[in-house]
Structures are given as C-alpha cells and as structure tokens.
Amino acid sequence: MNTTKILGEAIGIQSQGIIDNTETLTNEGLTSAVIVGQFIRGRFDKPMTIHKGNIRGQLGYEPQNPFYNAVQDCLDTGVPSIQVLRVGGTHSEE
C-alpha cells in the first residue's frame, strides 16, 4: 500500500476523519456594548461614551442604581468603553 502526503492511503476509501470545531476556545470577548437606562447625570439627546475614567463624571455616582451597576459591571469585565443613552428621570425618583 502506498502512502502519500496528499491522499493518505492510496488504496480504498479515503477518510481524513471528522474535525469537530464546535467547542473551539476563542479569545474573543465583548468589545462594545450599549446600555439604555436612568441616571442622575448625563445627556438625553445622544449616547455618551463611558469608560472607567469618566463613569462618575458623566453618570454621577449611584451604587444602588441597577443601570449604573450594569455599566460598572460591564467595564469591570474588560470592555474598554460603553455607549450609554440616558432616558427618563433618575431611577431614585420612581
């Protein structure tokens, strides 16, 4: 039986096996996000770019606000910046 680099075994049915890539590990993660919520500070007319350096200055500091916590958690997971759109009043007014 002859074996070649291209065809494998030369006689009979050729089978290179099945390659299962369904559980391939990737290093890709979340690179961008959009969050719509109620905050004590920020613009209403267009989304703001929020990163770790400006979160308190742009949105105010509200540790009990679930929208603020969502932004903070997203930044803590390694996302470089988030687009945030402020809607309605503040969450604490409800």
Protein backbone atom coordinates (compact mmCIF):
# COMPACT_ATOMS: atom_id res chain seq x y z
CA MET A 1 0.00 0.00 0.00
CA ASN A 2 1.35 3.42 -0.96
CA THR A 3 1.00 6.37 1.38
CA THR A 4 1.26 9.92 0.06
CA LYS A 5 1.28 13.24 1.81
CA ILE A 6 -1.76 14.48 -0.10
CA LEU A 7 -4.07 11.47 -0.32
CA GLY A 8 -3.19 9.49 2.78
CA GLU A 9 -3.50 5.78 1.93
CA ALA A 10 -3.71 5.27 -1.84
CA ILE A 11 -5.92 2.14 -1.93
CA GLY A 12 -9.55 2.03 -0.85
CA ILE A 13 -11.82 4.74 0.53
CA GLN A 14 -10.07 7.81 1.83
CA SER A 15 -11.09 9.22 5.18
CA GLN A 16 -9.41 12.08 6.97
CA GLY A 17 -11.74 11.80 9.93
CA ILE A 18 -14.17 14.36 11.27
CA ILE A 19 -12.92 17.61 12.74
CA ASP A 20 -15.29 18.96 15.37
CA ASN A 21 -14.82 22.72 15.87
CA THR A 22 -18.00 23.31 17.85
CA GLU A 23 -16.15 23.70 21.15
CA THR A 24 -13.17 25.66 19.92
CA LEU A 25 -11.93 28.11 22.52
CA THR A 26 -11.70 31.68 21.35
CA ASN A 27 -10.06 34.65 23.00
CA GLU A 28 -12.71 36.99 21.72
CA GLY A 29 -14.79 38.77 24.30
CA LEU A 30 -17.25 41.58 24.49
CA THR A 31 -15.67 44.60 22.83
CA SER A 32 -18.58 47.02 22.76
CA ALA A 33 -21.90 47.49 24.49
CA VAL A 34 -24.93 49.79 24.53
CA ILE A 35 -26.88 50.40 27.73
CA VAL A 36 -30.08 52.43 27.97
CA GLY A 37 -31.06 53.49 31.47
CA GLN A 38 -31.89 56.14 34.03
CA PHE A 39 -29.02 58.04 35.63
CA ILE A 40 -28.72 61.20 37.76
CA ARG A 41 -26.39 62.87 35.24
CA GLY A 42 -25.75 62.76 31.52
CA ARG A 43 -27.10 63.73 28.13
CA PHE A 44 -30.57 62.92 26.83
CA ASP A 45 -30.01 63.86 23.17
CA LYS A 46 -27.35 61.34 22.13
CA PRO A 47 -25.37 58.39 23.55
CA MET A 48 -22.29 59.05 25.68
CA THR A 49 -19.08 57.06 25.54
CA ILE A 50 -18.35 55.86 29.07
CA HIS A 51 -15.08 54.32 30.23
CA LYS A 52 -13.51 53.69 33.63
CA GLY A 53 -12.01 57.16 33.76
CA ASN A 54 -15.23 59.12 33.23
CA ILE A 55 -18.09 56.98 34.60
CA ARG A 56 -18.63 59.04 37.76
CA GLY A 57 -18.23 62.37 35.98
CA GLN A 58 -20.65 61.54 33.19
CA LEU A 59 -23.30 59.47 35.00
CA GLY A 60 -22.93 60.52 38.64
CA TYR A 61 -22.28 58.00 41.40
CA GLU A 62 -25.28 55.83 42.30
CA PRO A 63 -24.23 52.47 43.75
CA GLN A 64 -27.89 51.47 44.35
CA ASN A 65 -28.97 52.18 40.75
CA PRO A 66 -29.21 48.92 38.75
CA PHE A 67 -28.46 50.78 35.50
CA TYR A 68 -25.28 52.26 36.98
CA ASN A 69 -24.30 48.83 38.30
CA ALA A 70 -24.81 47.33 34.83
CA VAL A 71 -22.43 49.89 33.32
CA GLN A 72 -19.88 49.35 36.11
CA ASP A 73 -20.07 45.54 35.78
CA CYS A 74 -19.58 45.76 32.04
CA LEU A 75 -16.47 47.93 32.48
CA ASP A 76 -15.16 45.57 35.18
CA THR A 77 -15.29 42.64 32.74
CA GLY A 78 -12.77 44.36 30.48
CA VAL A 79 -14.91 46.19 27.92
CA PRO A 80 -12.91 49.31 27.03
CA SER A 81 -15.90 51.63 26.59
CA ILE A 82 -19.70 51.54 26.55
CA GLN A 83 -22.25 53.65 24.74
CA VAL A 84 -24.82 54.83 27.31
CA LEU A 85 -28.11 56.54 26.47
CA ARG A 86 -29.88 58.25 29.35
CA VAL A 87 -33.69 58.12 29.24
CA GLY A 88 -36.45 59.32 31.56
CA GLY A 89 -35.80 60.63 35.05
CA THR A 90 -33.46 59.24 37.61
CA HIS A 91 -34.08 55.76 38.93
CA SER A 92 -34.30 57.09 42.50
CA GLU A 93 -37.31 59.29 41.62
CA GLU A 94 -39.59 56.30 40.96
